[in-house]
Amino acid sequence: MVRFPRLYSAKHMGALEMKSIVRLAGFLPFVLALTLAILPAPATAQVANGSISGEVVDAQGAAIANAEVKAISKDTNKETTTTTDSSGLFRISLLPPGKYRVEVSKAGFRKAAFDNFEVSVGADRGLGTVKLEIGEVSATVEVSSTPPLVESTEAQITNAFTTANITTFVGVLENQGLDNLALTVPGVVGNRDLGFSNTNGTGFAVNGVRGRNNDQQIDGQNNNDNSVAGPALFVSDAEFVQEYQITTSNFSAEYGRNSGSVVNIITKSGSNNVHGSVYGTESNSAFNALSNVQKQSTASGFEGLKKPARFNDEFTGGTIGGPLWTDHVFFFGGFDNEIVSQQQVYSSGLLTPTPSGIATMIGCFGNTASLQALQTWGPYAIKAGSPTPTAPAVDDGTLVPGCPGVELGGVERTLATGSKSYNFPMRLDIQTRDTQPTCRRSHRTTGLVGRAPFLVV
């Protein structure tokens, strides 16, 4: 039972009691915000697990009922057990993604074992027909299994990229966005109708359906931006991801929000072994060369650069995961930052009086209100980026009647356009005998150089 303090009306309170209540009321929002920030959100994902199914028969092909089928996680040692039905069929559901050892046993038969059997999220992995040989249960037959060429247990078409696959793709490791992986899947093409939508690296369309019809998920939970479409939270660091999965056709019953595809990003979790990584990439303008357009002089209407504009993209990070309590409590956390320091050349070919041209016009017309405004608010009044005339030419009085000799030209300036981005996911998995509740918290801080960063939780 929780007891609350008795509340009194203001007319029965003294001045000291009233001040205490006011101070307490002002403190409550802070306590509530702190509590919400500290407490991790429990993950009640609908599509964060996979399953294993198959059929158990004897040497003559007859079904074996009540055979025990056990799936043992290679990461956490959690055992999940079921038995075959009267037809020899079995299915083990709600298995977290990862590698498993699957053992099939029955009194009077040798045990059959499948090692390093991969389970993917939202998909059923079939063992096929498992034949048990007559013999002692203590004898084990190790069966080597390979993924079937044709999926026979479900009609859903799903492609999964595990950590080993993700780390081999150029561009993904450089934090350019995980949705670039989708472009390697049959039926997926890049599209151009996501100009105002969020993208995790690139926009794409599936099987002719517009790109806004892709369902974005993280660990099976909704990650859609309902305002502009696309992902609400960007998970682009491959080191934070255990599996990137895209379902493109024949969706199972648990899906239904969108008709294009379902993208499900599964974050890494801890295991009984301490594991981690330290990584980084670097891109610098010192290794770049000038293009012909950049080399040509400003007098010719080009950029007239002597060296490439500054560009330095530094992406570094690290992760660590392991057990807090072996076989029961596991943690995973990471941090990355991408700091882009760069300059960009902006130019306009529209003609405007240069500073010399403005001085000539003042000599012709006097310092009129229009010329004062041009000196105060014109392109050369804004000193950022050191504005420089491009392709300057002297007017013969055609464009500025009554004042020949006015110099006109375009304007070019070099401005800093850098950015900073920080990400730190945290995950806690608590494994009990029957369930495995998971708590996660992901933060992303990003901002432009020279502006206050903002936080998205």
Protein backbone atom coordinates (compact mmCIF):
# COMPACT_ATOMS: atom_id res chain seq x y z
CA MET A 1 0.00 0.00 0.00
CA VAL A 2 1.24 3.47 -0.86
CA ARG A 3 0.14 6.29 1.43
CA PHE A 4 0.04 9.89 0.26
CA PRO A 5 0.35 12.87 2.58
CA ARG A 6 -2.92 14.53 3.50
CA LEU A 7 -3.64 17.72 1.57
CA TYR A 8 -4.99 20.81 3.32
CA SER A 9 -6.73 23.78 1.83
CA ALA A 10 -4.73 27.00 1.60
CA LYS A 11 -6.80 28.79 4.22
CA HIS A 12 -5.72 26.29 6.90
CA MET A 13 -2.02 26.61 6.08
CA GLY A 14 0.53 28.86 7.63
CA ALA A 15 2.96 30.92 5.56
CA LEU A 16 5.80 28.43 6.15
CA GLU A 17 3.66 25.44 5.08
CA MET A 18 2.52 27.26 1.95
CA LYS A 19 6.14 28.04 0.94
CA SER A 20 7.09 24.39 1.45
CA ILE A 21 4.25 23.22 -0.80
CA VAL A 22 5.22 25.74 -3.49
CA ARG A 23 8.85 24.61 -3.39
CA LEU A 24 7.78 20.95 -3.58
CA ALA A 25 5.47 21.61 -6.54
CA GLY A 26 8.29 23.33 -8.39
CA PHE A 27 10.60 20.39 -7.73
CA LEU A 28 8.21 17.64 -8.90
CA PRO A 29 8.63 18.24 -12.67
CA PHE A 30 12.39 17.90 -12.29
CA VAL A 31 12.02 14.62 -10.36
CA LEU A 32 9.61 13.26 -12.97
CA ALA A 33 11.90 14.19 -15.87
CA LEU A 34 14.92 12.67 -14.11
CA THR A 35 13.02 9.45 -13.42
CA LEU A 36 11.93 9.11 -17.04
CA ALA A 37 15.46 9.76 -18.25
CA ILE A 38 17.10 7.24 -15.92
CA LEU A 39 14.63 4.40 -16.15
CA PRO A 40 15.18 2.42 -19.35
CA ALA A 41 12.19 1.74 -21.50
CA PRO A 42 11.20 -1.93 -21.53
CA ALA A 43 11.20 -3.41 -25.01
CA THR A 44 7.89 -5.01 -25.86
CA ALA A 45 8.83 -5.64 -29.45
CA GLN A 46 6.48 -7.67 -31.58
CA VAL A 47 9.11 -8.74 -34.11
CA ALA A 48 12.41 -9.08 -32.26
CA ASN A 49 12.73 -12.87 -32.25
CA GLY A 50 12.85 -15.80 -34.64
CA SER A 51 11.95 -19.47 -34.61
CA ILE A 52 13.20 -22.94 -35.53
CA SER A 53 10.98 -25.68 -36.95
CA GLY A 54 11.34 -29.12 -38.42
CA GLU A 55 10.24 -32.75 -38.48
CA VAL A 56 11.71 -35.72 -36.60
CA VAL A 57 11.53 -39.24 -38.13
CA ASP A 58 13.23 -42.59 -37.70
CA ALA A 59 15.41 -44.39 -40.25
CA GLN A 60 12.31 -45.69 -42.09
CA GLY A 61 10.74 -42.23 -42.28
CA ALA A 62 8.08 -42.80 -39.63
CA ALA A 63 7.22 -39.82 -37.44
CA ILE A 64 8.66 -39.80 -33.91
CA ALA A 65 6.29 -38.28 -31.36
CA ASN A 66 7.35 -36.74 -28.03
CA ALA A 67 10.98 -36.32 -29.08
CA GLU A 68 12.73 -33.61 -27.12
CA VAL A 69 14.08 -30.67 -29.13
CA LYS A 70 16.39 -28.28 -27.29
CA ALA A 71 17.84 -24.99 -28.57
CA ILE A 72 20.84 -23.66 -26.60
CA SER A 73 22.04 -20.11 -27.21
CA LYS A 74 25.75 -19.94 -27.95
CA ASP A 75 25.91 -16.45 -26.45
CA THR A 76 23.90 -16.75 -23.23
CA ASN A 77 23.54 -20.54 -22.65
CA LYS A 78 19.78 -20.15 -22.38
CA GLU A 79 17.96 -23.42 -23.12
CA THR A 80 14.56 -23.52 -24.79
CA THR A 81 12.87 -26.92 -25.02
CA THR A 82 9.87 -28.34 -26.81
CA THR A 83 8.61 -31.77 -27.92
CA THR A 84 7.38 -33.06 -31.23
CA ASP A 85 3.68 -33.66 -31.79
CA SER A 86 2.06 -36.89 -32.99
CA SER A 87 3.19 -36.10 -36.55
CA GLY A 88 6.78 -35.57 -35.47
CA LEU A 89 6.61 -31.82 -36.10
CA PHE A 90 8.03 -29.15 -33.79
CA ARG A 91 8.51 -25.39 -33.63
CA ILE A 92 10.50 -23.37 -31.10
CA SER A 93 9.38 -19.73 -31.12
CA LEU A 94 10.50 -16.48 -29.47
CA LEU A 95 14.21 -17.16 -29.88
CA PRO A 96 16.47 -14.08 -29.74
CA PRO A 97 18.60 -13.78 -32.88
CA GLY A 98 22.00 -15.43 -32.84
CA LYS A 99 23.69 -18.81 -33.11
CA TYR A 100 22.27 -21.89 -31.42
CA ARG A 101 23.10 -25.52 -30.80
CA VAL A 102 20.01 -27.60 -31.52
CA GLU A 103 19.75 -31.09 -29.99
CA VAL A 104 17.07 -33.66 -30.85
CA SER A 105 16.77 -36.73 -28.61
CA LYS A 106 14.42 -39.61 -27.86
CA ALA A 107 14.83 -42.70 -25.69
CA GLY A 108 16.15 -45.58 -27.83
CA PHE A 109 17.68 -43.26 -30.44
CA ARG A 110 21.01 -41.50 -30.80
CA LYS A 111 20.93 -37.77 -30.17
CA ALA A 112 21.21 -35.55 -33.27
CA ALA A 113 22.92 -32.18 -32.82
CA PHE A 114 23.17 -29.13 -35.08
CA ASP A 115 25.85 -26.62 -34.07
CA ASN A 116 26.06 -22.91 -34.95
CA PHE A 117 22.52 -22.83 -36.32
CA GLU A 118 21.67 -19.20 -37.18
CA VAL A 119 18.34 -17.68 -36.07
CA SER A 120 17.17 -14.44 -37.65
CA VAL A 121 14.54 -11.97 -36.48
CA GLY A 122 11.00 -12.35 -37.80
CA ALA A 123 11.86 -15.49 -39.77
CA ASP A 124 11.45 -19.21 -39.28
CA ARG A 125 14.56 -21.28 -39.91
CA GLY A 126 13.72 -24.84 -40.88
CA LEU A 127 15.89 -27.80 -39.89
CA GLY A 128 14.06 -29.90 -42.43
CA THR A 129 13.62 -33.60 -41.71
CA VAL A 130 15.80 -34.85 -38.86
CA LYS A 131 16.43 -38.61 -38.92
CA LEU A 132 17.28 -40.31 -35.64
CA GLU A 133 19.29 -43.50 -35.66
CA ILE A 134 18.62 -46.36 -33.25
CA GLY A 135 21.14 -46.40 -30.40
CA GLU A 136 21.97 -45.04 -26.98
CA VAL A 137 20.88 -41.51 -26.14
CA SER A 138 24.39 -40.88 -24.78
CA ALA A 139 25.73 -41.22 -28.33
CA THR A 140 25.51 -37.99 -30.34
CA VAL A 141 25.44 -37.62 -34.10
CA GLU A 142 26.76 -34.20 -35.16
CA VAL A 143 24.85 -32.97 -38.21
CA SER A 144 26.31 -30.29 -40.44
CA SER A 145 23.62 -27.92 -41.69
CA THR A 146 23.66 -25.29 -44.39
CA PRO A 147 20.96 -22.71 -45.17
CA PRO A 148 18.46 -24.13 -47.69
CA LEU A 149 18.58 -22.75 -51.23
CA VAL A 150 14.79 -22.38 -51.16
CA GLU A 151 12.92 -21.43 -47.97
CA SER A 152 10.23 -24.06 -47.51
CA THR A 153 8.77 -23.16 -44.11
CA GLU A 154 7.27 -19.75 -44.99
CA ALA A 155 6.32 -17.65 -48.02
CA GLN A 156 7.70 -14.41 -46.60
CA ILE A 157 10.69 -13.06 -48.54
CA THR A 158 13.28 -11.76 -46.10
CA ASN A 159 16.92 -10.82 -46.53
CA ALA A 160 19.08 -10.54 -43.42
CA PHE A 161 22.55 -9.01 -43.16
CA THR A 162 24.46 -10.15 -40.09
CA THR A 163 27.43 -8.39 -38.51
CA ALA A 164 29.85 -10.39 -40.65
CA ASN A 165 28.07 -9.22 -43.82
CA ILE A 166 27.53 -5.60 -42.79
CA THR A 167 31.21 -4.98 -42.09
CA THR A 168 32.17 -5.88 -45.66
CA PHE A 169 30.13 -3.15 -47.37
CA VAL A 170 31.97 0.00 -48.42
CA GLY A 171 30.16 3.14 -47.23
CA VAL A 172 28.30 1.43 -44.41
CA LEU A 173 31.37 1.26 -42.19
CA GLU A 174 31.95 4.97 -42.78
CA ASN A 175 28.61 5.79 -41.12
CA GLN A 176 26.89 6.57 -44.41
CA GLY A 177 23.64 4.81 -43.52
CA LEU A 178 22.47 1.21 -43.25
CA ASP A 179 19.70 1.54 -45.85
CA ASN A 180 22.42 1.38 -48.51
CA LEU A 181 22.32 -2.37 -47.80
CA ALA A 182 18.75 -2.51 -49.11
CA LEU A 183 19.91 -1.52 -52.60
CA THR A 184 21.65 -4.91 -52.92
CA VAL A 185 18.36 -6.81 -52.51
CA PRO A 186 16.35 -7.91 -55.59
CA GLY A 187 13.35 -5.67 -56.25
CA VAL A 188 14.84 -2.66 -54.42
CA VAL A 189 15.87 0.48 -56.30
CA GLY A 190 16.88 3.99 -55.34
CA ASN A 191 14.09 6.53 -55.67
CA ARG A 192 13.67 10.28 -55.88
CA ASP A 193 10.38 10.97 -54.09
CA LEU A 194 11.87 11.29 -50.60
CA GLY A 195 13.24 14.82 -50.92
CA PHE A 196 11.48 15.92 -47.73
CA SER A 197 11.63 12.58 -45.87
CA ASN A 198 14.15 11.15 -43.46
CA THR A 199 16.58 8.59 -44.86
CA ASN A 200 19.12 6.34 -43.19
CA GLY A 201 21.68 6.85 -45.93
CA THR A 202 19.48 6.66 -49.02
CA GLY A 203 15.88 6.56 -50.14
CA PHE A 204 14.62 3.38 -51.80
CA ALA A 205 11.50 1.84 -53.27
CA VAL A 206 10.51 -1.84 -53.27
CA ASN A 207 8.70 -3.73 -56.02
CA GLY A 208 7.34 -0.55 -57.61
CA VAL A 209 5.73 0.81 -54.41
CA ARG A 210 6.63 4.40 -53.53
CA GLY A 211 9.48 4.90 -51.11
CA ARG A 212 7.31 6.46 -48.41
CA ASN A 213 5.66 3.04 -47.89
CA ASN A 214 8.61 1.45 -46.09
CA ASP A 215 8.06 0.46 -42.46
CA GLN A 216 11.06 1.29 -40.25
CA GLN A 217 11.69 -0.65 -37.02
CA ILE A 218 14.39 -0.99 -34.38
CA ASP A 219 14.38 -4.27 -32.46
CA GLY A 220 10.87 -4.85 -33.75
CA GLN A 221 9.55 -1.53 -32.42
CA ASN A 222 8.07 1.30 -34.44
CA ASN A 223 10.70 3.75 -35.71
CA ASN A 224 8.65 5.72 -38.24
CA ASP A 225 8.54 9.50 -38.41
CA ASN A 226 4.82 10.14 -38.81
CA SER A 227 5.35 13.71 -39.99
CA VAL A 228 7.68 13.35 -42.99
CA ALA A 229 8.05 9.55 -43.30
CA GLY A 230 11.31 7.62 -43.04
CA PRO A 231 13.06 6.59 -39.82
CA ALA A 232 12.57 8.69 -36.69
CA LEU A 233 15.85 7.56 -35.09
CA PHE A 234 18.90 6.96 -37.27
CA VAL A 235 21.00 3.90 -36.44
CA SER A 236 23.81 4.14 -38.97
CA ASP A 237 26.81 2.75 -37.08
CA ALA A 238 27.38 -0.86 -38.18
CA GLU A 239 29.17 -1.64 -34.90
CA PHE A 240 25.91 -1.08 -32.98
CA VAL A 241 23.98 -3.54 -35.15
CA GLN A 242 23.68 -7.31 -34.93
CA GLU A 243 21.40 -7.71 -37.91
CA TYR A 244 19.87 -5.58 -40.65
CA GLN A 245 16.76 -7.22 -42.05
CA ILE A 246 14.47 -6.19 -44.90
CA THR A 247 11.25 -8.03 -45.77
CA THR A 248 10.09 -7.25 -49.29
CA SER A 249 7.12 -9.49 -50.06
CA ASN A 250 4.47 -11.88 -48.65
CA PHE A 251 4.52 -10.27 -45.21
CA SER A 252 3.61 -12.39 -42.22
CA ALA A 253 0.57 -11.58 -40.08
CA GLU A 254 2.55 -9.51 -37.55
CA TYR A 255 3.25 -6.88 -40.20
CA GLY A 256 0.73 -4.60 -41.82
CA ARG A 257 1.59 -0.93 -41.47
CA ASN A 258 3.12 -0.48 -44.92
CA SER A 259 2.94 -2.23 -48.28
CA GLY A 260 6.47 -1.51 -49.53
CA SER A 261 8.89 -3.24 -47.18
CA VAL A 262 9.71 -3.75 -43.51
CA VAL A 263 13.18 -2.72 -42.34
CA ASN A 264 14.10 -4.09 -38.92
CA ILE A 265 17.45 -3.13 -37.35
CA ILE A 266 18.49 -5.41 -34.49
CA THR A 267 20.93 -3.88 -32.03
CA LYS A 268 23.76 -5.86 -30.48
CA SER A 269 23.39 -7.34 -27.01
CA GLY A 270 25.76 -8.64 -24.39
CA SER A 271 26.74 -12.28 -23.97
CA ASN A 272 28.70 -14.45 -21.56
CA ASN A 273 31.90 -13.35 -23.28
CA VAL A 274 33.20 -9.82 -22.94
CA HIS A 275 33.48 -8.34 -26.41
CA GLY A 276 34.03 -4.92 -27.86
CA SER A 277 35.56 -2.88 -30.65
CA VAL A 278 37.43 0.34 -31.31
CA TYR A 279 37.21 1.75 -34.81
CA GLY A 280 37.53 4.86 -36.92
CA THR A 281 37.74 6.28 -40.42
CA GLU A 282 39.23 9.48 -41.78
CA SER A 283 38.66 11.47 -44.96
CA ASN A 284 40.64 14.64 -45.68
CA SER A 285 40.81 17.20 -48.48
CA ALA A 286 44.60 16.92 -48.42
CA PHE A 287 44.19 13.77 -50.51
CA ASN A 288 41.86 15.45 -53.04
CA ALA A 289 42.72 17.19 -56.31
CA LEU A 290 41.17 20.28 -57.88
CA SER A 291 38.74 19.88 -60.77
CA ASN A 292 39.09 21.95 -63.93
CA VAL A 293 36.20 24.17 -62.84
CA GLN A 294 37.86 24.82 -59.50
CA LYS A 295 41.21 25.64 -61.10
CA GLN A 296 39.99 28.30 -63.52
CA SER A 297 40.27 31.91 -62.37
CA THR A 298 37.43 33.99 -60.97
CA ALA A 299 37.98 36.43 -63.85
CA SER A 300 36.73 33.65 -66.12
CA GLY A 301 33.69 33.10 -63.96
CA PHE A 302 34.99 30.02 -62.13
CA GLU A 303 36.11 29.35 -58.55
CA GLY A 304 39.81 30.10 -58.96
CA LEU A 305 40.96 27.87 -56.07
CA LYS A 306 44.62 27.17 -55.37
CA LYS A 307 43.81 24.09 -53.28
CA PRO A 308 40.63 22.14 -52.42
CA ALA A 309 38.33 23.73 -49.87
CA ARG A 310 38.94 22.33 -46.41
CA PHE A 311 37.24 19.01 -45.69
CA ASN A 312 37.94 16.67 -42.79
CA ASP A 313 35.50 13.88 -41.83
CA GLU A 314 36.55 12.06 -38.66
CA PHE A 315 34.41 9.13 -37.52
CA THR A 316 35.48 7.17 -34.44
CA GLY A 317 33.79 5.05 -31.80
CA GLY A 318 33.90 2.06 -29.53
CA THR A 319 31.62 -0.62 -28.09
CA ILE A 320 31.71 -3.06 -25.20
CA GLY A 321 29.38 -5.83 -24.07
CA GLY A 322 29.45 -8.74 -21.67
CA PRO A 323 27.86 -10.34 -18.62
CA LEU A 324 26.91 -8.60 -15.40
CA TRP A 325 25.71 -11.94 -14.05
CA THR A 326 26.72 -14.98 -16.09
CA ASP A 327 23.80 -16.65 -17.86
CA HIS A 328 21.35 -14.08 -16.44
CA VAL A 329 22.15 -10.38 -16.95
CA PHE A 330 23.99 -8.95 -19.97
CA PHE A 331 24.91 -5.42 -21.03
CA PHE A 332 25.98 -3.68 -24.21
CA GLY A 333 26.95 -0.07 -24.76
CA GLY A 334 28.74 2.08 -27.27
CA PHE A 335 29.66 5.58 -28.33
CA ASP A 336 30.58 7.17 -31.63
CA ASN A 337 31.15 10.66 -32.93
CA GLU A 338 31.41 12.08 -36.41
CA ILE A 339 33.00 15.50 -36.63
CA VAL A 340 32.98 17.12 -40.05
CA SER A 341 35.10 20.23 -40.46
CA GLN A 342 34.66 21.61 -43.94
CA GLN A 343 34.36 24.69 -46.09
CA GLN A 344 32.22 25.08 -49.17
CA VAL A 345 32.44 27.55 -52.04
CA TYR A 346 29.20 29.38 -52.82
CA SER A 347 28.95 31.48 -55.96
CA SER A 348 26.32 33.36 -57.93
CA GLY A 349 26.56 34.37 -61.54
CA LEU A 350 23.94 37.12 -61.18
CA LEU A 351 25.44 40.53 -61.87
CA THR A 352 25.77 43.00 -59.04
CA PRO A 353 27.95 46.10 -58.60
CA THR A 354 31.35 45.30 -57.11
CA PRO A 355 32.76 47.57 -54.35
CA SER A 356 34.58 49.47 -57.09
CA GLY A 357 31.36 49.70 -59.09
CA ILE A 358 29.45 51.05 -56.08
CA ALA A 359 32.07 53.78 -55.65
CA THR A 360 31.64 54.73 -59.34
CA MET A 361 27.85 54.92 -58.95
CA ILE A 362 28.18 57.17 -55.87
CA GLY A 363 30.34 59.46 -57.99
CA CYS A 364 27.59 59.59 -60.64
CA PHE A 365 24.42 59.75 -58.52
CA GLY A 366 25.60 60.72 -55.06
CA ASN A 367 25.14 58.67 -51.90
CA THR A 368 21.42 58.10 -52.41
CA ALA A 369 19.20 56.01 -50.12
CA SER A 370 19.31 53.13 -52.62
CA LEU A 371 23.09 53.10 -52.70
CA GLN A 372 23.23 53.33 -48.90
CA ALA A 373 20.99 50.26 -48.70
CA LEU A 374 23.21 48.44 -51.19
CA GLN A 375 26.29 49.24 -49.07
CA THR A 376 24.53 48.17 -45.86
CA TRP A 377 22.59 45.10 -46.99
CA GLY A 378 24.13 44.14 -50.32
CA PRO A 379 26.25 41.01 -51.02
CA TYR A 380 29.52 42.70 -50.10
CA ALA A 381 28.12 44.09 -46.84
CA ILE A 382 27.96 40.51 -45.54
CA LYS A 383 31.59 39.83 -44.78
CA ALA A 384 31.22 36.11 -43.96
CA GLY A 385 33.26 33.98 -46.35
CA SER A 386 35.25 36.93 -47.76
CA PRO A 387 33.03 37.80 -50.76
CA THR A 388 35.02 38.09 -53.99
CA PRO A 389 33.88 39.30 -57.45
CA THR A 390 33.76 36.66 -60.19
CA ALA A 391 34.07 37.49 -63.90
CA PRO A 392 34.03 41.27 -63.28
CA ALA A 393 33.32 43.43 -66.33
CA VAL A 394 32.96 47.19 -66.86
CA ASP A 395 29.57 48.37 -68.07
CA ASP A 396 29.50 50.85 -70.93
CA GLY A 397 26.34 52.48 -69.65
CA THR A 398 23.93 49.89 -71.04
CA LEU A 399 23.03 48.27 -67.72
CA VAL A 400 23.53 51.43 -65.63
CA PRO A 401 22.33 54.30 -67.84
CA GLY A 402 23.93 57.63 -67.15
CA CYS A 403 26.95 56.14 -65.40
CA PRO A 404 29.39 54.37 -67.72
CA GLY A 405 32.35 52.52 -66.20
CA VAL A 406 30.48 50.69 -63.41
CA GLU A 407 32.14 47.35 -62.64
CA LEU A 408 29.66 44.43 -62.39
CA GLY A 409 30.17 40.76 -61.62
CA GLY A 410 29.11 37.69 -59.71
CA VAL A 411 29.90 36.99 -56.05
CA GLU A 412 31.81 34.07 -54.54
CA ARG A 413 32.42 33.24 -50.89
CA THR A 414 33.81 30.29 -48.90
CA LEU A 415 31.80 29.35 -45.80
CA ALA A 416 32.22 26.78 -43.03
CA THR A 417 29.53 24.08 -43.21
CA GLY A 418 30.76 21.57 -40.64
CA SER A 419 28.69 19.42 -38.32
CA LYS A 420 29.02 17.29 -35.20
CA SER A 421 27.13 14.12 -34.31
CA TYR A 422 27.26 11.90 -31.20
CA ASN A 423 25.50 8.58 -30.57
CA PHE A 424 25.47 6.31 -27.54
CA PRO A 425 23.20 3.24 -27.29
CA MET A 426 22.78 1.26 -24.07
CA ARG A 427 21.14 -2.13 -23.73
CA LEU A 428 20.43 -4.41 -20.77
CA ASP A 429 19.11 -7.97 -21.18
CA ILE A 430 17.79 -9.88 -18.16
CA GLN A 431 17.39 -13.59 -18.81
CA THR A 432 15.10 -15.63 -16.60
CA ARG A 433 14.04 -19.21 -16.99
CA ASP A 434 11.03 -18.50 -19.16
CA THR A 435 11.42 -14.95 -20.43
CA GLN A 436 14.08 -12.49 -21.49
CA PRO A 437 12.97 -8.89 -20.85
CA THR A 438 15.15 -6.29 -22.51
CA CYS A 439 15.68 -2.63 -21.67
CA ARG A 440 17.22 -0.22 -24.16
CA ARG A 441 18.05 3.45 -24.34
CA SER A 442 19.42 5.18 -27.44
CA HIS A 443 20.54 8.79 -27.62
CA ARG A 444 21.63 10.88 -30.58
CA THR A 445 23.01 14.39 -30.38
CA THR A 446 23.74 16.30 -33.54
CA GLY A 447 24.17 19.89 -34.62
CA LEU A 448 25.77 22.25 -37.06
CA VAL A 449 29.03 23.99 -36.27
CA GLY A 450 28.31 27.38 -34.78
CA ARG A 451 24.82 26.41 -33.61
CA ALA A 452 23.55 24.94 -30.38
CA PRO A 453 23.19 21.14 -30.73
CA PHE A 454 19.83 19.56 -30.19
CA LEU A 455 18.96 16.21 -28.64
CA VAL A 456 16.70 13.50 -29.96
CA VAL A 457 15.82 10.67 -27.59
